Amino acid sequence: MASLGNSDNAIASYREALRTALTARARMPGEESTRTVIVAYQRLGQLETFSGDLEDARALFQRCLLVAREFVQQKPDDPARNQLLAATYVGLGWVQLNSVETDKAVQSLRAAFQIFGTEPNGNEDHDRMLALVIPARHSV
């Protein structure tokens, strides 16, 4: 709550959260710590995108993509892992759209749709993310 309305404080908090998550994963690698790292990368990337620091956001999403791809390779049929990977592609796609890199954004968003699908399936997290991505699909 201390960071509410103050993007600099929020970014600093999320940077610390990411460092903590990376340290925890290094000490105790596993599903929970990897999921936490991916989410921390995504949230910080979203904040950096919102604040206009597109280069930092891009770097965060690209690092996240490496972790998320590896995570999915361990259990390719796990919908939760695939959702994390798709969300990472969406985040990178938004950075690319904001950077006016339309061709790259199309590739990233297409990758998300290939993983995620284009139709609601009744899963609240899936359908919420789909609702956020559909406007991007139509603007690309």
C-alpha atoms as a PDB file:
ATOM      1  CA  MET A   1       0.000   0.000   0.000  1.00  0.00           C
ATOM      2  CA  ALA A   2       2.918   2.360   0.615  1.00  0.00           C
ATOM      3  CA  SER A   3       3.630   2.311  -3.132  1.00  0.00           C
ATOM      4  CA  LEU A   4       0.043   3.046  -4.191  1.00  0.00           C
ATOM      5  CA  GLY A   5       0.184   5.894  -6.701  1.00  0.00           C
ATOM      6  CA  ASN A   6       3.979   6.038  -6.615  1.00  0.00           C
ATOM      7  CA  SER A   7       5.356   4.058  -9.515  1.00  0.00           C
ATOM      8  CA  ASP A   8       8.990   4.581  -8.484  1.00  0.00           C
ATOM      9  CA  ASN A   9       8.348   2.990  -5.085  1.00  0.00           C
ATOM     10  CA  ALA A  10       6.314   0.206  -6.656  1.00  0.00           C
ATOM     11  CA  ILE A  11       9.099  -0.548  -9.133  1.00  0.00           C
ATOM     12  CA  ALA A  12      11.680  -0.566  -6.341  1.00  0.00           C
ATOM     13  CA  SER A  13       9.477  -2.954  -4.337  1.00  0.00           C
ATOM     14  CA  TYR A  14       9.039  -5.289  -7.281  1.00  0.00           C
ATOM     15  CA  ARG A  15      12.767  -5.198  -8.046  1.00  0.00           C
ATOM     16  CA  GLU A  16      13.392  -6.347  -4.484  1.00  0.00           C
ATOM     17  CA  ALA A  17      10.695  -8.999  -4.815  1.00  0.00           C
ATOM     18  CA  LEU A  18      12.339 -10.273  -8.000  1.00  0.00           C
ATOM     19  CA  ARG A  19      15.770 -10.412  -6.319  1.00  0.00           C
ATOM     20  CA  THR A  20      14.243 -12.324  -3.417  1.00  0.00           C
ATOM     21  CA  ALA A  21      12.459 -14.728  -5.770  1.00  0.00           C
ATOM     22  CA  LEU A  22      15.640 -15.364  -7.766  1.00  0.00           C
ATOM     23  CA  THR A  23      17.581 -16.032  -4.561  1.00  0.00           C
ATOM     24  CA  ALA A  24      14.892 -18.405  -3.296  1.00  0.00           C
ATOM     25  CA  ARG A  25      14.858 -20.267  -6.605  1.00  0.00           C
ATOM     26  CA  ALA A  26      18.653 -20.599  -6.556  1.00  0.00           C
ATOM     27  CA  ARG A  27      18.512 -22.044  -3.053  1.00  0.00           C
ATOM     28  CA  MET A  28      15.409 -24.189  -3.503  1.00  0.00           C
ATOM     29  CA  PRO A  29      14.738 -24.828  -7.190  1.00  0.00           C
ATOM     30  CA  GLY A  30      11.316 -26.212  -7.876  1.00  0.00           C
ATOM     31  CA  GLU A  31       7.869 -25.536  -9.222  1.00  0.00           C
ATOM     32  CA  GLU A  32       6.779 -22.972  -6.631  1.00  0.00           C
ATOM     33  CA  SER A  33       9.992 -20.925  -6.693  1.00  0.00           C
ATOM     34  CA  THR A  34      10.101 -20.955 -10.507  1.00  0.00           C
ATOM     35  CA  ARG A  35       6.478 -19.859 -10.741  1.00  0.00           C
ATOM     36  CA  THR A  36       7.240 -17.034  -8.297  1.00  0.00           C
ATOM     37  CA  VAL A  37      10.206 -15.875 -10.397  1.00  0.00           C
ATOM     38  CA  ILE A  38       8.103 -15.848 -13.571  1.00  0.00           C
ATOM     39  CA  VAL A  39       5.312 -13.859 -11.937  1.00  0.00           C
ATOM     40  CA  ALA A  40       7.814 -11.396 -10.417  1.00  0.00           C
ATOM     41  CA  TYR A  41       9.413 -10.826 -13.841  1.00  0.00           C
ATOM     42  CA  GLN A  42       5.982 -10.309 -15.389  1.00  0.00           C
ATOM     43  CA  ARG A  43       4.724  -7.869 -12.756  1.00  0.00           C
ATOM     44  CA  LEU A  44       7.904  -5.809 -12.819  1.00  0.00           C
ATOM     45  CA  GLY A  45       7.837  -5.847 -16.624  1.00  0.00           C
ATOM     46  CA  GLN A  46       4.253  -4.596 -16.571  1.00  0.00           C
ATOM     47  CA  LEU A  47       5.162  -1.771 -14.199  1.00  0.00           C
ATOM     48  CA  GLU A  48       8.152  -0.789 -16.330  1.00  0.00           C
ATOM     49  CA  THR A  49       5.931  -0.816 -19.421  1.00  0.00           C
ATOM     50  CA  PHE A  50       3.338   1.343 -17.659  1.00  0.00           C
ATOM     51  CA  SER A  51       6.024   3.782 -16.491  1.00  0.00           C
ATOM     52  CA  GLY A  52       7.419   4.042 -20.023  1.00  0.00           C
ATOM     53  CA  ASP A  53      10.763   2.336 -19.425  1.00  0.00           C
ATOM     54  CA  LEU A  54      10.345   0.052 -22.408  1.00  0.00           C
ATOM     55  CA  GLU A  55      13.973  -1.095 -22.562  1.00  0.00           C
ATOM     56  CA  ASP A  56      13.912  -2.385 -18.984  1.00  0.00           C
ATOM     57  CA  ALA A  57      10.492  -3.923 -19.601  1.00  0.00           C
ATOM     58  CA  ARG A  58      11.760  -5.661 -22.739  1.00  0.00           C
ATOM     59  CA  ALA A  59      14.795  -7.060 -20.906  1.00  0.00           C
ATOM     60  CA  LEU A  60      12.602  -8.339 -18.065  1.00  0.00           C
ATOM     61  CA  PHE A  61      10.155 -10.069 -20.398  1.00  0.00           C
ATOM     62  CA  GLN A  62      12.988 -11.592 -22.435  1.00  0.00           C
ATOM     63  CA  ARG A  63      14.585 -13.031 -19.270  1.00  0.00           C
ATOM     64  CA  CYS A  64      11.171 -14.218 -18.165  1.00  0.00           C
ATOM     65  CA  LEU A  65      10.651 -15.888 -21.514  1.00  0.00           C
ATOM     66  CA  LEU A  66      13.765 -18.009 -20.992  1.00  0.00           C
ATOM     67  CA  VAL A  67      12.572 -19.184 -17.588  1.00  0.00           C
ATOM     68  CA  ALA A  68       8.965 -19.724 -18.719  1.00  0.00           C
ATOM     69  CA  ARG A  69       9.972 -21.757 -21.807  1.00  0.00           C
ATOM     70  CA  GLU A  70      12.171 -24.017 -19.702  1.00  0.00           C
ATOM     71  CA  PHE A  71       9.368 -24.349 -17.139  1.00  0.00           C
ATOM     72  CA  VAL A  72       6.905 -25.457 -19.834  1.00  0.00           C
ATOM     73  CA  GLN A  73       9.393 -27.918 -21.325  1.00  0.00           C
ATOM     74  CA  GLN A  74       9.439 -29.767 -17.998  1.00  0.00           C
ATOM     75  CA  LYS A  75       5.643 -30.366 -18.169  1.00  0.00           C
ATOM     76  CA  PRO A  76       4.393 -29.348 -21.625  1.00  0.00           C
ATOM     77  CA  ASP A  77       0.789 -30.385 -20.954  1.00  0.00           C
ATOM     78  CA  ASP A  78       0.397 -28.308 -17.776  1.00  0.00           C
ATOM     79  CA  PRO A  79      -2.152 -25.558 -18.542  1.00  0.00           C
ATOM     80  CA  ALA A  80      -0.924 -23.327 -15.688  1.00  0.00           C
ATOM     81  CA  ARG A  81       2.638 -23.410 -17.001  1.00  0.00           C
ATOM     82  CA  ASN A  82       1.437 -22.710 -20.525  1.00  0.00           C
ATOM     83  CA  GLN A  83      -0.613 -19.792 -19.246  1.00  0.00           C
ATOM     84  CA  LEU A  84       2.514 -18.293 -17.659  1.00  0.00           C
ATOM     85  CA  LEU A  85       4.387 -18.649 -20.948  1.00  0.00           C
ATOM     86  CA  ALA A  86       1.522 -17.133 -22.935  1.00  0.00           C
ATOM     87  CA  ALA A  87       1.286 -14.218 -20.474  1.00  0.00           C
ATOM     88  CA  THR A  88       5.001 -13.589 -20.937  1.00  0.00           C
ATOM     89  CA  TYR A  89       4.571 -13.412 -24.709  1.00  0.00           C
ATOM     90  CA  VAL A  90       1.647 -11.017 -24.194  1.00  0.00           C
ATOM     91  CA  GLY A  91       3.757  -8.769 -21.952  1.00  0.00           C
ATOM     92  CA  LEU A  92       6.560  -8.715 -24.494  1.00  0.00           C
ATOM     93  CA  GLY A  93       4.005  -8.016 -27.220  1.00  0.00           C
ATOM     94  CA  TRP A  94       2.696  -4.972 -25.341  1.00  0.00           C
ATOM     95  CA  VAL A  95       6.245  -3.661 -24.957  1.00  0.00           C
ATOM     96  CA  GLN A  96       6.778  -4.130 -28.678  1.00  0.00           C
ATOM     97  CA  LEU A  97       3.482  -2.421 -29.527  1.00  0.00           C
ATOM     98  CA  ASN A  98       4.430   0.525 -27.317  1.00  0.00           C
ATOM     99  CA  SER A  99       7.828   0.619 -29.043  1.00  0.00           C
ATOM    100  CA  VAL A 100       6.111   0.646 -32.446  1.00  0.00           C
ATOM    101  CA  GLU A 101       7.677  -2.686 -33.355  1.00  0.00           C
ATOM    102  CA  THR A 102       4.528  -3.974 -34.981  1.00  0.00           C
ATOM    103  CA  ASP A 103       6.050  -6.995 -36.725  1.00  0.00           C
ATOM    104  CA  LYS A 104       7.669  -8.219 -33.515  1.00  0.00           C
ATOM    105  CA  ALA A 105       4.481  -7.550 -31.559  1.00  0.00           C
ATOM    106  CA  VAL A 106       2.489  -9.621 -34.052  1.00  0.00           C
ATOM    107  CA  GLN A 107       4.955 -12.509 -33.620  1.00  0.00           C
ATOM    108  CA  SER A 108       4.796 -12.339 -29.823  1.00  0.00           C
ATOM    109  CA  LEU A 109       1.018 -12.092 -29.667  1.00  0.00           C
ATOM    110  CA  ARG A 110       0.658 -14.862 -32.239  1.00  0.00           C
ATOM    111  CA  ALA A 111       2.900 -17.057 -30.069  1.00  0.00           C
ATOM    112  CA  ALA A 112       0.645 -16.296 -27.084  1.00  0.00           C
ATOM    113  CA  PHE A 113      -2.474 -17.239 -29.041  1.00  0.00           C
ATOM    114  CA  GLN A 114      -0.883 -20.466 -30.285  1.00  0.00           C
ATOM    115  CA  ILE A 115      -0.267 -21.473 -26.678  1.00  0.00           C
ATOM    116  CA  PHE A 116      -3.359 -19.965 -25.155  1.00  0.00           C
ATOM    117  CA  GLY A 117      -6.012 -20.256 -27.839  1.00  0.00           C
ATOM    118  CA  THR A 118      -8.448 -17.586 -28.894  1.00  0.00           C
ATOM    119  CA  GLU A 119     -11.669 -18.735 -27.226  1.00  0.00           C
ATOM    120  CA  PRO A 120     -12.870 -18.467 -23.617  1.00  0.00           C
ATOM    121  CA  ASN A 121     -12.838 -21.815 -21.804  1.00  0.00           C
ATOM    122  CA  GLY A 122     -14.518 -21.012 -18.492  1.00  0.00           C
ATOM    123  CA  ASN A 123     -11.252 -20.809 -16.539  1.00  0.00           C
ATOM    124  CA  GLU A 124     -11.344 -17.401 -14.848  1.00  0.00           C
ATOM    125  CA  ASP A 125      -7.597 -16.675 -15.214  1.00  0.00           C
ATOM    126  CA  HIS A 126      -7.572 -17.816 -18.844  1.00  0.00           C
ATOM    127  CA  ASP A 127     -10.657 -15.838 -19.802  1.00  0.00           C
ATOM    128  CA  ARG A 128      -9.461 -12.689 -18.004  1.00  0.00           C
ATOM    129  CA  MET A 129      -6.143 -12.777 -19.833  1.00  0.00           C
ATOM    130  CA  LEU A 130      -7.904 -13.470 -23.119  1.00  0.00           C
ATOM    131  CA  ALA A 131     -10.098 -10.400 -22.556  1.00  0.00           C
ATOM    132  CA  LEU A 132      -6.942  -8.303 -22.088  1.00  0.00           C
ATOM    133  CA  VAL A 133      -5.259  -9.691 -25.195  1.00  0.00           C
ATOM    134  CA  ILE A 134      -8.132  -9.599 -27.687  1.00  0.00           C
ATOM    135  CA  PRO A 135      -7.919  -5.775 -28.078  1.00  0.00           C
ATOM    136  CA  ALA A 136      -4.227  -6.134 -28.941  1.00  0.00           C
ATOM    137  CA  ARG A 137      -5.045  -8.810 -31.490  1.00  0.00           C
ATOM    138  CA  HIS A 138      -7.466  -6.503 -33.266  1.00  0.00           C
ATOM    139  CA  SER A 139      -5.111  -3.513 -33.238  1.00  0.00           C
ATOM    140  CA  VAL A 140      -2.176  -5.427 -34.748  1.00  0.00           C
END
